[in-house]
């Protein structure tokens, strides 16, 4: 099993790309449960795309299951870390 933190895409850690996209969507104004869902979708989509890009389209159900589980792991990591941090370090809005 590959450690998720060691995955690179063009020299950039894969999870940084996912977290960066989630932050981008957050800055567009999305928040709360919708942002968690978007984080999951981004992670799932990119995780599946990454697996398919490195090993080609899966030919068997077992291979597809592995690809989907990898995408879920990335999505759960992205949405879980966002949720974890947002509960422990809430956004402080400037007075004004």
N, C-alpha and C. Protein backbone atom coordinates (compact mmCIF):
# COMPACT_ATOMS: atom_id res chain seq x y z
N UNK A 1 0.85 -1.20 0.00
CA UNK A 1 0.00 0.00 0.00
C UNK A 1 0.88 1.24 0.00
N UNK A 2 0.55 2.19 -0.82
CA UNK A 2 1.31 3.42 -0.91
C UNK A 2 0.84 4.41 0.14
N UNK A 3 1.80 5.04 0.79
CA UNK A 3 1.48 6.09 1.76
C UNK A 3 0.94 7.29 0.99
N UNK A 4 -0.26 7.76 1.35
CA UNK A 4 -0.89 8.86 0.62
C UNK A 4 -0.04 10.13 0.62
N UNK A 5 0.76 10.33 1.66
CA UNK A 5 1.56 11.56 1.74
C UNK A 5 2.75 11.53 0.79
N UNK A 6 3.09 10.36 0.24
CA UNK A 6 4.27 10.28 -0.63
C UNK A 6 3.91 10.35 -2.12
N UNK A 7 2.64 10.46 -2.46
CA UNK A 7 2.22 10.50 -3.86
C UNK A 7 2.55 11.85 -4.47
N UNK A 8 3.16 11.83 -5.65
CA UNK A 8 3.54 13.06 -6.34
C UNK A 8 2.88 13.12 -7.70
N UNK A 9 2.48 14.31 -8.10
CA UNK A 9 1.99 14.57 -9.45
C UNK A 9 2.85 15.71 -9.97
N UNK A 10 3.66 15.42 -10.97
CA UNK A 10 4.60 16.40 -11.53
C UNK A 10 5.45 17.04 -10.42
N UNK A 11 5.87 16.24 -9.46
CA UNK A 11 6.73 16.72 -8.39
C UNK A 11 6.02 17.40 -7.23
N UNK A 12 4.70 17.51 -7.32
CA UNK A 12 3.93 18.19 -6.27
C UNK A 12 3.17 17.12 -5.47
N UNK A 13 3.24 17.17 -4.14
CA UNK A 13 2.47 16.19 -3.36
C UNK A 13 0.99 16.26 -3.70
N UNK A 14 0.42 15.10 -4.02
CA UNK A 14 -0.96 14.99 -4.49
C UNK A 14 -1.95 15.62 -3.51
N UNK A 15 -1.79 15.35 -2.22
CA UNK A 15 -2.74 15.90 -1.25
C UNK A 15 -2.68 17.43 -1.20
N UNK A 16 -1.52 18.02 -1.48
CA UNK A 16 -1.44 19.49 -1.53
C UNK A 16 -2.32 20.03 -2.64
N UNK A 17 -2.36 19.33 -3.77
CA UNK A 17 -3.21 19.77 -4.89
C UNK A 17 -4.68 19.72 -4.47
N UNK A 18 -5.07 18.63 -3.84
CA UNK A 18 -6.46 18.48 -3.39
C UNK A 18 -6.81 19.56 -2.37
N UNK A 19 -5.94 19.74 -1.36
CA UNK A 19 -6.19 20.76 -0.34
C UNK A 19 -6.23 22.16 -0.94
N UNK A 20 -5.35 22.42 -1.90
CA UNK A 20 -5.34 23.72 -2.55
C UNK A 20 -6.63 24.00 -3.30
N UNK A 21 -7.15 23.00 -4.00
CA UNK A 21 -8.42 23.17 -4.71
C UNK A 21 -9.58 23.40 -3.74
N UNK A 22 -9.56 22.68 -2.62
CA UNK A 22 -10.60 22.88 -1.62
C UNK A 22 -10.53 24.30 -1.06
N UNK A 23 -9.34 24.78 -0.78
CA UNK A 23 -9.19 26.15 -0.29
C UNK A 23 -9.65 27.16 -1.33
N UNK A 24 -9.38 26.89 -2.60
CA UNK A 24 -9.83 27.77 -3.67
C UNK A 24 -11.35 27.87 -3.68
N UNK A 25 -12.02 26.73 -3.58
CA UNK A 25 -13.49 26.71 -3.55
C UNK A 25 -13.99 27.43 -2.31
N UNK A 26 -13.30 27.26 -1.20
CA UNK A 26 -13.68 27.95 0.05
C UNK A 26 -13.61 29.46 -0.13
N UNK A 27 -12.60 29.95 -0.81
CA UNK A 27 -12.44 31.39 -1.02
C UNK A 27 -13.50 31.94 -1.96
N UNK A 28 -14.11 31.05 -2.75
CA UNK A 28 -15.21 31.48 -3.62
C UNK A 28 -16.52 31.65 -2.84
N UNK A 29 -16.50 31.28 -1.55
CA UNK A 29 -17.66 31.53 -0.71
C UNK A 29 -18.39 30.30 -0.22
N UNK A 30 -17.98 29.12 -0.66
CA UNK A 30 -18.64 27.90 -0.21
C UNK A 30 -18.20 27.58 1.21
N UNK A 31 -19.12 27.12 2.04
CA UNK A 31 -18.76 26.80 3.42
C UNK A 31 -19.66 25.70 3.97
N UNK A 32 -19.36 25.25 5.16
CA UNK A 32 -20.18 24.27 5.85
C UNK A 32 -20.19 22.90 5.19
N UNK A 33 -21.33 22.26 5.25
CA UNK A 33 -21.45 20.90 4.73
C UNK A 33 -21.23 20.83 3.22
N UNK A 34 -21.58 21.90 2.50
CA UNK A 34 -21.36 21.91 1.06
C UNK A 34 -19.86 21.86 0.74
N UNK A 35 -19.06 22.55 1.53
CA UNK A 35 -17.62 22.52 1.30
C UNK A 35 -17.06 21.13 1.59
N UNK A 36 -17.57 20.46 2.59
CA UNK A 36 -17.13 19.10 2.90
C UNK A 36 -17.48 18.16 1.74
N UNK A 37 -18.69 18.33 1.18
CA UNK A 37 -19.09 17.51 0.03
C UNK A 37 -18.21 17.79 -1.19
N UNK A 38 -17.90 19.06 -1.42
CA UNK A 38 -17.03 19.41 -2.54
C UNK A 38 -15.63 18.84 -2.33
N UNK A 39 -15.13 18.89 -1.09
CA UNK A 39 -13.82 18.32 -0.79
C UNK A 39 -13.82 16.82 -1.10
N UNK A 40 -14.89 16.14 -0.72
CA UNK A 40 -15.00 14.71 -1.01
C UNK A 40 -15.04 14.46 -2.50
N UNK A 41 -15.82 15.24 -3.24
CA UNK A 41 -15.93 15.09 -4.69
C UNK A 41 -14.58 15.34 -5.36
N UNK A 42 -13.88 16.40 -4.96
CA UNK A 42 -12.57 16.71 -5.54
C UNK A 42 -11.60 15.57 -5.27
N UNK A 43 -11.54 15.13 -4.03
CA UNK A 43 -10.62 14.05 -3.68
C UNK A 43 -10.95 12.76 -4.41
N UNK A 44 -12.23 12.41 -4.45
CA UNK A 44 -12.66 11.18 -5.13
C UNK A 44 -12.34 11.25 -6.62
N UNK A 45 -12.70 12.36 -7.25
CA UNK A 45 -12.46 12.52 -8.70
C UNK A 45 -10.98 12.48 -9.04
N UNK A 46 -10.18 13.26 -8.32
CA UNK A 46 -8.75 13.30 -8.62
C UNK A 46 -8.07 11.99 -8.24
N UNK A 47 -8.53 11.36 -7.16
CA UNK A 47 -7.96 10.07 -6.77
C UNK A 47 -8.17 9.01 -7.84
N UNK A 48 -9.39 8.95 -8.36
CA UNK A 48 -9.69 7.99 -9.42
C UNK A 48 -8.89 8.32 -10.68
N UNK A 49 -8.86 9.61 -11.05
CA UNK A 49 -8.10 10.02 -12.23
C UNK A 49 -6.62 9.69 -12.08
N UNK A 50 -6.08 9.89 -10.89
CA UNK A 50 -4.66 9.60 -10.65
C UNK A 50 -4.39 8.11 -10.83
N UNK A 51 -5.21 7.26 -10.22
CA UNK A 51 -5.02 5.82 -10.33
C UNK A 51 -5.11 5.36 -11.78
N UNK A 52 -6.09 5.87 -12.51
CA UNK A 52 -6.25 5.48 -13.91
C UNK A 52 -5.07 5.98 -14.74
N UNK A 53 -4.54 7.17 -14.41
CA UNK A 53 -3.42 7.72 -15.18
C UNK A 53 -2.13 6.94 -14.98
N UNK A 54 -1.94 6.33 -13.81
CA UNK A 54 -0.68 5.61 -13.59
C UNK A 54 -0.74 4.14 -14.00
N UNK A 55 -1.95 3.56 -14.03
CA UNK A 55 -2.01 2.13 -14.35
C UNK A 55 -3.01 1.80 -15.45
N UNK A 56 -3.57 2.80 -16.08
CA UNK A 56 -4.54 2.55 -17.15
C UNK A 56 -5.91 2.20 -16.61
N UNK A 57 -6.89 2.13 -17.48
CA UNK A 57 -8.24 1.80 -17.05
C UNK A 57 -8.30 0.38 -16.46
N UNK A 58 -8.93 0.22 -15.32
CA UNK A 58 -9.03 -1.11 -14.72
C UNK A 58 -9.84 -2.06 -15.61
N UNK A 59 -9.41 -3.32 -15.64
CA UNK A 59 -10.07 -4.30 -16.51
C UNK A 59 -11.04 -5.21 -15.74
N UNK A 60 -10.89 -5.27 -14.44
CA UNK A 60 -11.72 -6.18 -13.66
C UNK A 60 -12.46 -5.41 -12.57
N UNK A 61 -13.46 -6.07 -12.00
CA UNK A 61 -14.17 -5.45 -10.89
C UNK A 61 -13.23 -5.19 -9.72
N UNK A 62 -12.34 -6.12 -9.44
CA UNK A 62 -11.40 -5.96 -8.33
C UNK A 62 -10.51 -4.75 -8.55
N UNK A 63 -10.07 -4.55 -9.78
CA UNK A 63 -9.23 -3.39 -10.08
C UNK A 63 -10.02 -2.09 -9.93
N UNK A 64 -11.26 -2.07 -10.42
CA UNK A 64 -12.11 -0.87 -10.25
C UNK A 64 -12.38 -0.60 -8.78
N UNK A 65 -12.61 -1.66 -8.02
CA UNK A 65 -12.85 -1.50 -6.59
C UNK A 65 -11.65 -0.85 -5.91
N UNK A 66 -10.46 -1.27 -6.27
CA UNK A 66 -9.24 -0.68 -5.72
C UNK A 66 -9.10 0.79 -6.08
N UNK A 67 -9.41 1.13 -7.33
CA UNK A 67 -9.33 2.52 -7.79
C UNK A 67 -10.34 3.39 -7.03
N UNK A 68 -11.55 2.89 -6.87
CA UNK A 68 -12.59 3.65 -6.16
C UNK A 68 -12.23 3.81 -4.68
N UNK A 69 -11.70 2.76 -4.08
CA UNK A 69 -11.28 2.86 -2.66
C UNK A 69 -10.16 3.88 -2.50
N UNK A 70 -9.23 3.93 -3.46
CA UNK A 70 -8.17 4.93 -3.41
C UNK A 70 -8.77 6.34 -3.50
N UNK A 71 -9.70 6.53 -4.43
CA UNK A 71 -10.35 7.84 -4.56
C UNK A 71 -11.11 8.21 -3.30
N UNK A 72 -11.78 7.25 -2.69
CA UNK A 72 -12.48 7.52 -1.43
C UNK A 72 -11.50 7.90 -0.32
N UNK A 73 -10.36 7.25 -0.29
CA UNK A 73 -9.35 7.58 0.73
C UNK A 73 -8.88 9.02 0.57
N UNK A 74 -8.65 9.44 -0.66
CA UNK A 74 -8.24 10.83 -0.90
C UNK A 74 -9.38 11.78 -0.54
N UNK A 75 -10.60 11.46 -0.95
CA UNK A 75 -11.75 12.31 -0.63
C UNK A 75 -12.02 12.41 0.86
N UNK A 76 -11.95 11.28 1.55
CA UNK A 76 -12.16 11.30 3.00
C UNK A 76 -11.06 12.06 3.71
N UNK A 77 -9.84 11.93 3.22
CA UNK A 77 -8.73 12.70 3.81
C UNK A 77 -8.97 14.19 3.64
N UNK A 78 -9.33 14.60 2.43
CA UNK A 78 -9.55 16.03 2.16
C UNK A 78 -10.72 16.57 2.97
N UNK A 79 -11.84 15.88 2.96
CA UNK A 79 -13.01 16.39 3.68
C UNK A 79 -12.84 16.24 5.19
N UNK A 80 -12.21 15.17 5.62
CA UNK A 80 -12.00 14.95 7.04
C UNK A 80 -11.06 15.97 7.66
N UNK A 81 -9.98 16.29 6.96
CA UNK A 81 -9.04 17.28 7.49
C UNK A 81 -9.68 18.65 7.50
N UNK A 82 -10.45 18.99 6.45
CA UNK A 82 -11.14 20.28 6.46
C UNK A 82 -12.08 20.37 7.65
N UNK A 83 -12.88 19.33 7.86
CA UNK A 83 -13.85 19.32 8.96
C UNK A 83 -13.13 19.37 10.31
N UNK A 84 -12.09 18.60 10.46
CA UNK A 84 -11.31 18.58 11.70
C UNK A 84 -10.76 19.96 12.03
N UNK A 85 -10.14 20.61 11.04
CA UNK A 85 -9.53 21.92 11.28
C UNK A 85 -10.58 23.00 11.48
N UNK A 86 -11.68 22.94 10.74
CA UNK A 86 -12.69 23.99 10.87
C UNK A 86 -13.36 23.95 12.24
N UNK A 87 -13.46 22.77 12.85
CA UNK A 87 -14.05 22.67 14.18
C UNK A 87 -13.09 23.13 15.28
N UNK A 88 -11.80 22.93 15.08
CA UNK A 88 -10.83 23.27 16.10
C UNK A 88 -10.25 24.68 15.94
N UNK A 89 -10.25 25.17 14.71
CA UNK A 89 -9.73 26.50 14.44
C UNK A 89 -10.73 27.26 13.57
N UNK A 90 -11.85 27.70 14.17
CA UNK A 90 -12.88 28.38 13.37
C UNK A 90 -12.34 29.69 12.76
N UNK A 91 -12.92 30.04 11.63
CA UNK A 91 -12.54 31.27 10.95
C UNK A 91 -12.92 32.47 11.81
N UNK A 92 -11.97 33.38 11.94
CA UNK A 92 -12.23 34.62 12.68
C UNK A 92 -12.52 35.70 11.66
N UNK A 93 -13.72 36.23 11.71
CA UNK A 93 -14.10 37.26 10.75
C UNK A 93 -13.66 38.63 11.28
N UNK A 94 -13.10 39.45 10.39
CA UNK A 94 -12.66 40.80 10.83
C UNK A 94 -13.84 41.66 11.22
N UNK A 95 -13.62 42.48 12.23
CA UNK A 95 -14.67 43.41 12.66
C UNK A 95 -14.79 44.54 11.64
N UNK A 96 -15.98 44.97 11.45
CA UNK A 96 -16.09 46.08 10.52
C UNK A 96 -17.42 46.32 10.00
